[in-house]
Amino acid sequence: MDARAKRDTRFELRCSFEELEAWRDAAQKHRVPLARYVRVCLENRPRLQQTRQADPALIRQLAAFGNNLNQITRWANAHQKGWQNLEPGKEEIAQIKKALGDIRNALEGILQSQEGREP
C-alpha cells in the first residue's frame, strides 16, 4: 500500500481496556501515534525501533557548548574585517580551531558511550 494514499476509511476494533492500555503504552514507548503503531503491527512491517532516552545532563552540556560556539561565531562574523588584517590573530584562531576539535572529539566520545547504554 502506498504510504501517501488518502486514508478515508475508518476501522474499528473491539478490545479490552487492558489491551488498549498496553497498545497505547507500546506506541508511546516507540514515540509514535497509536494508529501508526497498530498499522505497523498489522502490515507485518519491520518492527519500530525503540527510541533511546537522552541523559538530561548531556543535553544541557551540549546546549551549553552550542550556545558558546554560537556566541563565538557571532562575534567572529561581526568583527570579520578586523581579524583579517591582524597577523597575531592567526595563532589565536589556530588555538580556537584546536579547542573546537577537542570539544568535537569529547562530544563524540560522550555520544558513543551513551549509545552503548540501555535506555
Foldseek 3Di string as FASTA:
>chain_A
DDPPDDDDDDDDDDDDPVVVVVLCVVCVQLPHDSVVQVVCVVVVHPHRDGDDDDDPVLVVVVVVVVVVVVVVVVVCVVCVVVLVPDPVVVVVVVVVVVVVVVVVVVNVVVVVVVVPDDD
